[in-house]
C-alpha atoms as a PDB file:
ATOM      1  CA  MET A   1     165.565  -1.986 170.938  1.00  0.00           C
ATOM      2  CA  SER A   2     164.233   0.504 173.493  1.00  0.00           C
ATOM      3  CA  GLN A   3     164.877  -2.084 176.201  1.00  0.00           C
ATOM      4  CA  ARG A   4     168.497  -2.431 175.083  1.00  0.00           C
ATOM      5  CA  LEU A   5     168.944   1.345 175.142  1.00  0.00           C
ATOM      6  CA  GLN A   6     167.515   1.535 178.673  1.00  0.00           C
ATOM      7  CA  VAL A   7     165.929   4.923 178.110  1.00  0.00           C
ATOM      8  CA  ALA A   8     162.833   6.310 179.791  1.00  0.00           C
ATOM      9  CA  ARG A   9     159.510   5.760 178.035  1.00  0.00           C
ATOM     10  CA  ASN A  10     156.835   8.442 177.918  1.00  0.00           C
ATOM     11  CA  ARG A  11     153.146   7.614 177.693  1.00  0.00           C
ATOM     12  CA  VAL A  12     151.382   8.879 174.565  1.00  0.00           C
ATOM     13  CA  ASP A  13     148.205   8.212 172.631  1.00  0.00           C
ATOM     14  CA  ILE A  14     149.048   8.551 168.940  1.00  0.00           C
ATOM     15  CA  SER A  15     147.459   6.894 165.920  1.00  0.00           C
ATOM     16  CA  VAL A  16     149.540   6.086 162.822  1.00  0.00           C
ATOM     17  CA  ALA A  17     147.906   5.091 159.520  1.00  0.00           C
ATOM     18  CA  GLY A  18     149.928   3.109 156.995  1.00  0.00           C
ATOM     19  CA  ILE A  19     149.433   0.974 153.884  1.00  0.00           C
ATOM     20  CA  GLY A  20     145.749   0.309 153.192  1.00  0.00           C
ATOM     21  CA  GLN A  21     144.760   2.815 155.898  1.00  0.00           C
ATOM     22  CA  ALA A  22     145.650   0.250 158.553  1.00  0.00           C
ATOM     23  CA  ALA A  23     145.890   2.163 161.841  1.00  0.00           C
ATOM     24  CA  THR A  24     148.228   1.396 164.735  1.00  0.00           C
ATOM     25  CA  ARG A  25     147.843   2.938 168.178  1.00  0.00           C
ATOM     26  CA  PHE A  26     151.073   3.907 169.950  1.00  0.00           C
ATOM     27  CA  ARG A  27     151.162   4.102 173.743  1.00  0.00           C
ATOM     28  CA  GLN A  28     154.874   4.760 174.362  1.00  0.00           C
ATOM     29  CA  ARG A  29     157.560   7.079 173.008  1.00  0.00           C
ATOM     30  CA  ILE A  30     161.255   7.487 173.723  1.00  0.00           C
ATOM     31  CA  ARG A  31     163.810  10.173 172.908  1.00  0.00           C
ATOM     32  CA  ALA A  32     167.315   9.072 171.966  1.00  0.00           C
ATOM     33  CA  VAL A  33     170.345  10.253 170.009  1.00  0.00           C
ATOM     34  CA  LEU A  34     170.903   8.695 166.587  1.00  0.00           C
ATOM     35  CA  ARG A  35     174.656   8.575 165.955  1.00  0.00           C
ATOM     36  CA  SER A  36     176.655   7.406 162.947  1.00  0.00           C
ATOM     37  CA  ARG A  37     179.477   4.903 163.461  1.00  0.00           C
ATOM     38  CA  VAL A  38     181.394   6.183 160.404  1.00  0.00           C
ATOM     39  CA  SER A  39     181.016   9.983 160.731  1.00  0.00           C
ATOM     40  CA  ASP A  40     180.403  12.671 163.325  1.00  0.00           C
ATOM     41  CA  PHE A  41     176.702  12.917 162.452  1.00  0.00           C
ATOM     42  CA  SER A  42     174.258  12.761 165.372  1.00  0.00           C
ATOM     43  CA  ARG A  43     170.638  13.771 165.833  1.00  0.00           C
ATOM     44  CA  GLU A  44     168.309  13.622 168.830  1.00  0.00           C
ATOM     45  CA  LEU A  45     164.905  12.322 167.752  1.00  0.00           C
ATOM     46  CA  ASN A  46     161.641  11.005 169.151  1.00  0.00           C
ATOM     47  CA  TYR A  47     160.745   7.382 168.459  1.00  0.00           C
ATOM     48  CA  LEU A  48     157.413   5.625 168.805  1.00  0.00           C
ATOM     49  CA  VAL A  49     157.705   2.183 170.383  1.00  0.00           C
ATOM     50  CA  LEU A  50     156.326  -1.014 168.824  1.00  0.00           C
ATOM     51  CA  PRO A  51     156.888  -4.675 169.739  1.00  0.00           C
ATOM     52  CA  LYS A  52     158.074  -5.229 166.134  1.00  0.00           C
ATOM     53  CA  VAL A  53     158.613  -2.476 163.584  1.00  0.00           C
ATOM     54  CA  THR A  54     158.186  -4.555 160.424  1.00  0.00           C
ATOM     55  CA  VAL A  55     159.108  -7.909 158.919  1.00  0.00           C
ATOM     56  CA  ASN A  56     162.746  -8.949 158.717  1.00  0.00           C
ATOM     57  CA  LEU A  57     164.437  -7.295 155.755  1.00  0.00           C
ATOM     58  CA  PRO A  58     165.303  -8.265 153.146  1.00  0.00           C
ATOM     59  CA  THR A  59     162.558 -10.882 153.073  1.00  0.00           C
ATOM     60  CA  ALA A  60     164.974 -13.399 151.501  1.00  0.00           C
ATOM     61  CA  THR A  61     168.741 -13.764 151.237  1.00  0.00           C
ATOM     62  CA  VAL A  62     170.127 -11.769 148.295  1.00  0.00           C
ATOM     63  CA  ASN A  63     172.704 -13.503 146.101  1.00  0.00           C
ATOM     64  CA  THR A  64     175.580 -11.024 145.646  1.00  0.00           C
ATOM     65  CA  ASP A  65     178.115 -13.412 144.070  1.00  0.00           C
ATOM     66  CA  THR A  66     178.003 -11.544 140.759  1.00  0.00           C
ATOM     67  CA  TRP A  67     178.202  -8.101 142.331  1.00  0.00           C
ATOM     68  CA  THR A  68     181.434  -6.148 142.285  1.00  0.00           C
ATOM     69  CA  LEU A  69     181.656  -3.522 145.028  1.00  0.00           C
ATOM     70  CA  PRO A  70     184.229  -0.736 144.603  1.00  0.00           C
ATOM     71  CA  SER A  71     187.232  -0.943 146.879  1.00  0.00           C
ATOM     72  CA  GLY A  72     187.339   1.333 149.902  1.00  0.00           C
ATOM     73  CA  ILE A  73     183.560   1.396 150.238  1.00  0.00           C
ATOM     74  CA  GLN A  74     182.348   1.375 153.837  1.00  0.00           C
ATOM     75  CA  LEU A  75     178.825   0.015 153.930  1.00  0.00           C
ATOM     76  CA  ALA A  76     176.276   1.262 156.429  1.00  0.00           C
ATOM     77  CA  ASP A  77     175.092  -2.359 156.764  1.00  0.00           C
ATOM     78  CA  PRO A  78     177.823  -4.896 155.836  1.00  0.00           C
ATOM     79  CA  THR A  79     175.297  -7.765 156.034  1.00  0.00           C
ATOM     80  CA  PHE A  80     172.579  -6.043 153.998  1.00  0.00           C
ATOM     81  CA  PHE A  81     171.996  -9.216 151.937  1.00  0.00           C
ATOM     82  CA  GLU A  82     170.856 -11.288 154.940  1.00  0.00           C
ATOM     83  CA  PRO A  83     167.354 -11.027 156.455  1.00  0.00           C
ATOM     84  CA  THR A  84     167.524  -9.415 159.888  1.00  0.00           C
ATOM     85  CA  VAL A  85     165.450  -7.490 162.394  1.00  0.00           C
ATOM     86  CA  VAL A  86     164.675  -3.832 161.648  1.00  0.00           C
ATOM     87  CA  ASP A  87     165.455  -1.772 164.739  1.00  0.00           C
ATOM     88  CA  LEU A  88     163.867   1.509 163.686  1.00  0.00           C
ATOM     89  CA  VAL A  89     162.278   3.405 160.811  1.00  0.00           C
ATOM     90  CA  LEU A  90     163.242   7.043 160.260  1.00  0.00           C
ATOM     91  CA  GLY A  91     160.755   9.620 159.044  1.00  0.00           C
ATOM     92  CA  ILE A  92     160.911  11.882 156.017  1.00  0.00           C
ATOM     93  CA  GLU A  93     161.425  14.973 158.198  1.00  0.00           C
ATOM     94  CA  CYS A  94     165.127  14.109 158.547  1.00  0.00           C
ATOM     95  CA  PHE A  95     165.630  11.634 155.696  1.00  0.00           C
ATOM     96  CA  PHE A  96     167.362  13.999 153.272  1.00  0.00           C
ATOM     97  CA  ASP A  97     169.794  15.149 155.966  1.00  0.00           C
ATOM     98  CA  PHE A  98     171.369  11.691 155.742  1.00  0.00           C
ATOM     99  CA  PHE A  99     172.499  12.272 152.147  1.00  0.00           C
ATOM    100  CA  GLU A 100     174.514  15.473 152.428  1.00  0.00           C
ATOM    101  CA  ILE A 101     177.078  14.580 149.729  1.00  0.00           C
ATOM    102  CA  GLY A 102     174.702  12.842 147.340  1.00  0.00           C
ATOM    103  CA  ARG A 103     177.286  10.665 145.574  1.00  0.00           C
ATOM    104  CA  ARG A 104     175.955   7.590 143.760  1.00  0.00           C
ATOM    105  CA  ILE A 105     177.643   4.576 142.192  1.00  0.00           C
ATOM    106  CA  SER A 106     175.823   2.157 139.903  1.00  0.00           C
ATOM    107  CA  LEU A 107     176.737  -1.514 140.324  1.00  0.00           C
ATOM    108  CA  GLY A 108     175.685  -2.313 136.780  1.00  0.00           C
ATOM    109  CA  GLU A 109     172.644  -2.960 134.626  1.00  0.00           C
ATOM    110  CA  HIS A 110     169.739  -4.532 136.527  1.00  0.00           C
ATOM    111  CA  LEU A 111     171.674  -4.114 139.776  1.00  0.00           C
ATOM    112  CA  PRO A 112     171.189  -1.774 142.750  1.00  0.00           C
ATOM    113  CA  THR A 113     172.896   1.566 143.289  1.00  0.00           C
ATOM    114  CA  LEU A 114     175.281   2.673 146.036  1.00  0.00           C
ATOM    115  CA  ASN A 115     174.255   5.922 147.739  1.00  0.00           C
ATOM    116  CA  GLU A 116     176.634   7.688 150.110  1.00  0.00           C
ATOM    117  CA  SER A 117     175.067   8.680 153.418  1.00  0.00           C
ATOM    118  CA  VAL A 118     176.234   9.908 156.806  1.00  0.00           C
ATOM    119  CA  PHE A 119     175.948   6.292 158.010  1.00  0.00           C
ATOM    120  CA  GLY A 120     178.084   4.855 155.211  1.00  0.00           C
ATOM    121  CA  TRP A 121     177.180   3.632 151.731  1.00  0.00           C
ATOM    122  CA  ILE A 122     173.633   2.350 151.378  1.00  0.00           C
ATOM    123  CA  ILE A 123     172.585  -0.126 148.706  1.00  0.00           C
ATOM    124  CA  SER A 124     169.145   0.509 147.217  1.00  0.00           C
ATOM    125  CA  GLY A 125     167.255  -0.607 144.155  1.00  0.00           C
ATOM    126  CA  GLY A 126     166.272  -3.891 142.551  1.00  0.00           C
ATOM    127  CA  SER A 127     168.198  -6.739 141.005  1.00  0.00           C
ATOM    128  CA  SER A 128     167.237  -9.311 138.389  1.00  0.00           C
ATOM    129  CA  GLU A 129     167.522 -12.869 139.627  1.00  0.00           C
ATOM    130  CA  PRO A 130     165.918 -15.734 137.661  1.00  0.00           C
ATOM    131  CA  ASN A 131     163.647 -18.281 139.353  1.00  0.00           C
ATOM    132  CA  ARG A 132     163.216 -16.140 142.447  1.00  0.00           C
ATOM    133  CA  SER A 133     159.855 -15.441 144.035  1.00  0.00           C
ATOM    134  CA  LEU A 134     158.997 -11.785 144.378  1.00  0.00           C
ATOM    135  CA  HIS A 135     158.613 -10.318 147.863  1.00  0.00           C
ATOM    136  CA  ILE A 136     157.769  -6.646 148.270  1.00  0.00           C
ATOM    137  CA  SER A 137     157.759  -4.881 151.612  1.00  0.00           C
ATOM    138  CA  CYS A 138     156.616  -1.265 151.960  1.00  0.00           C
ATOM    139  CA  ASN A 139     156.854   0.939 155.032  1.00  0.00           C
ATOM    140  CA  ILE A 140     154.894   4.165 155.053  1.00  0.00           C
ATOM    141  CA  SER A 141     152.994   5.915 157.781  1.00  0.00           C
ATOM    142  CA  SER A 142     151.032   9.071 158.415  1.00  0.00           C
ATOM    143  CA  LEU A 143     151.332  10.373 161.937  1.00  0.00           C
ATOM    144  CA  VAL A 144     148.208  11.893 163.476  1.00  0.00           C
ATOM    145  CA  GLY A 145     149.181  13.869 166.556  1.00  0.00           C
ATOM    146  CA  LEU A 146     147.027  14.944 169.444  1.00  0.00           C
ATOM    147  CA  ASP A 147     146.974  18.552 168.217  1.00  0.00           C
ATOM    148  CA  GLU A 148     145.584  17.490 164.855  1.00  0.00           C
ATOM    149  CA  LEU A 149     142.934  15.301 166.486  1.00  0.00           C
ATOM    150  CA  ILE A 150     141.827  18.235 168.639  1.00  0.00           C
ATOM    151  CA  SER A 151     141.763  20.480 165.567  1.00  0.00           C
ATOM    152  CA  ARG A 152     139.516  17.994 163.777  1.00  0.00           C
ATOM    153  CA  PHE A 153     137.226  17.848 166.817  1.00  0.00           C
ATOM    154  CA  TRP A 154     136.758  21.613 166.929  1.00  0.00           C
ATOM    155  CA  PHE A 155     136.246  21.733 163.173  1.00  0.00           C
ATOM    156  CA  CYS A 156     133.335  19.290 163.537  1.00  0.00           C
ATOM    157  CA  GLU A 157     131.874  21.462 166.307  1.00  0.00           C
ATOM    158  CA  GLU A 158     132.052  24.709 164.346  1.00  0.00           C
ATOM    159  CA  VAL A 159     128.768  26.362 163.320  1.00  0.00           C
ATOM    160  CA  GLU A 160     128.553  27.029 159.634  1.00  0.00           C
ATOM    161  CA  SER A 161     128.638  30.768 159.043  1.00  0.00           C
ATOM    162  CA  GLY A 162     126.943  30.475 155.659  1.00  0.00           C
ATOM    163  CA  LYS A 163     123.785  28.763 156.951  1.00  0.00           C
ATOM    164  CA  VAL A 164     120.644  29.740 155.026  1.00  0.00           C
ATOM    165  CA  ILE A 165     117.752  30.708 157.304  1.00  0.00           C
ATOM    166  CA  SER A 166     114.097  31.182 156.461  1.00  0.00           C
ATOM    167  CA  LEU A 167     112.266  34.519 156.459  1.00  0.00           C
ATOM    168  CA  GLU A 168     110.484  33.614 159.698  1.00  0.00           C
ATOM    169  CA  GLU A 169     113.770  32.764 161.405  1.00  0.00           C
ATOM    170  CA  LYS A 170     115.277  36.040 160.247  1.00  0.00           C
ATOM    171  CA  GLN A 171     112.283  37.953 161.636  1.00  0.00           C
ATOM    172  CA  CYS A 172     112.621  36.167 164.994  1.00  0.00           C
ATOM    173  CA  GLU A 173     116.308  37.067 165.223  1.00  0.00           C
ATOM    174  CA  ASP A 174     115.600  40.716 164.386  1.00  0.00           C
ATOM    175  CA  TYR A 175     112.716  40.791 166.885  1.00  0.00           C
ATOM    176  CA  TYR A 176     114.972  39.446 169.624  1.00  0.00           C
ATOM    177  CA  VAL A 177     117.719  42.004 168.928  1.00  0.00           C
ATOM    178  CA  ASN A 178     115.230  44.894 168.972  1.00  0.00           C
ATOM    179  CA  THR A 179     113.257  43.916 172.098  1.00  0.00           C
ATOM    180  CA  VAL A 180     115.695  42.178 174.452  1.00  0.00           C
ATOM    181  CA  GLN A 181     116.363  44.070 177.695  1.00  0.00           C
ATOM    182  CA  ARG A 182     118.339  43.442 180.853  1.00  0.00           C
ATOM    183  CA  GLY A 183     116.710  44.300 184.140  1.00  0.00           C
ATOM    184  CA  SER A 184     118.243  45.719 187.304  1.00  0.00           C
ATOM    185  CA  ASP A 185     118.346  42.202 188.781  1.00  0.00           C
ATOM    186  CA  GLY A 186     120.582  41.026 185.957  1.00  0.00           C
ATOM    187  CA  GLY A 187     117.858  38.993 184.232  1.00  0.00           C
ATOM    188  CA  TYR A 188     116.954  39.302 180.588  1.00  0.00           C
ATOM    189  CA  THR A 189     113.459  39.876 179.168  1.00  0.00           C
ATOM    190  CA  VAL A 190     112.339  39.732 175.587  1.00  0.00           C
ATOM    191  CA  SER A 191     108.944  40.290 174.014  1.00  0.00           C
ATOM    192  CA  LEU A 192     107.099  37.289 172.693  1.00  0.00           C
ATOM    193  CA  PRO A 193     107.299  37.278 168.891  1.00  0.00           C
ATOM    194  CA  LYS A 194     103.924  37.408 167.169  1.00  0.00           C
ATOM    195  CA  VAL A 195     102.767  36.375 163.747  1.00  0.00           C
ATOM    196  CA  GLU A 196     100.627  39.290 162.629  1.00  0.00           C
ATOM    197  CA  ASP A 197      98.641  37.265 160.115  1.00  0.00           C
ATOM    198  CA  ALA A 198      97.738  34.720 162.797  1.00  0.00           C
ATOM    199  CA  ILE A 199      96.629  37.431 165.266  1.00  0.00           C
ATOM    200  CA  SER A 200      93.988  38.676 162.835  1.00  0.00           C
ATOM    201  CA  LEU A 201      92.414  35.211 162.879  1.00  0.00           C
ATOM    202  CA  LEU A 202      91.747  35.349 166.612  1.00  0.00           C
ATOM    203  CA  GLY A 203      88.775  37.715 166.152  1.00  0.00           C
ATOM    204  CA  GLU A 204      87.110  39.325 169.198  1.00  0.00           C
ATOM    205  CA  SER A 205      88.119  36.605 171.625  1.00  0.00           C
ATOM    206  CA  GLN A 206      89.915  38.673 174.272  1.00  0.00           C
ATOM    207  CA  ASP A 207      86.813  39.348 176.421  1.00  0.00           C
ATOM    208  CA  ILE A 208      85.728  35.712 176.307  1.00  0.00           C
ATOM    209  CA  ALA A 209      89.222  34.522 177.277  1.00  0.00           C
ATOM    210  CA  TYR A 210      89.397  37.042 180.125  1.00  0.00           C
ATOM    211  CA  ARG A 211      86.015  35.966 181.581  1.00  0.00           C
ATOM    212  CA  ARG A 212      87.064  32.327 181.464  1.00  0.00           C
ATOM    213  CA  LEU A 213      90.290  33.195 183.241  1.00  0.00           C
ATOM    214  CA  GLN A 214      88.399  35.033 185.943  1.00  0.00           C
ATOM    215  CA  GLY A 215      86.007  32.150 186.274  1.00  0.00           C
ATOM    216  CA  THR A 216      88.770  29.749 187.210  1.00  0.00           C
END
């Protein structure tokens, strides 16, 4: 469809997760005006580009011989009962704008319902047909944008503020804060932390260590 519209494509890197958490990577996006052929409704939207949006819908020809449509009804898709290619899927962010009037007409028991939209009347719902195999097609997606991916990245990199530290670690941090100094050359100096209990175990070894140092 984007080729038929002859609009410029922008490069993107967006992941969309759908049914069963199946992910699809999108590399192209276009911006085009969606316009109704039966009303003055129009909306400029962004569209992600795929070689094929979904399977042909409906998945099988629908028998409408027993249906009675009200006169004067202008359908959004006059050939809704025949399987055909899906050109685009519209997101929930603008879905409810398409049903400004909200009028509905039931076609009868076990038959679909007519819903008035800015594109014309849309037929939705199920119908009971004997000896017909059941085909169900669902289209749902969750768009993960670049900003959300970056947000997740930084969240993983954040340091937990509630980290529990040991008594020794707390003493080291306090010792650093109390003894760190910055010299005139811009360098930092800090005293070497000492474990007082361990120092008492050294005994009178300073003189011996000094003589050995001098002997080298």
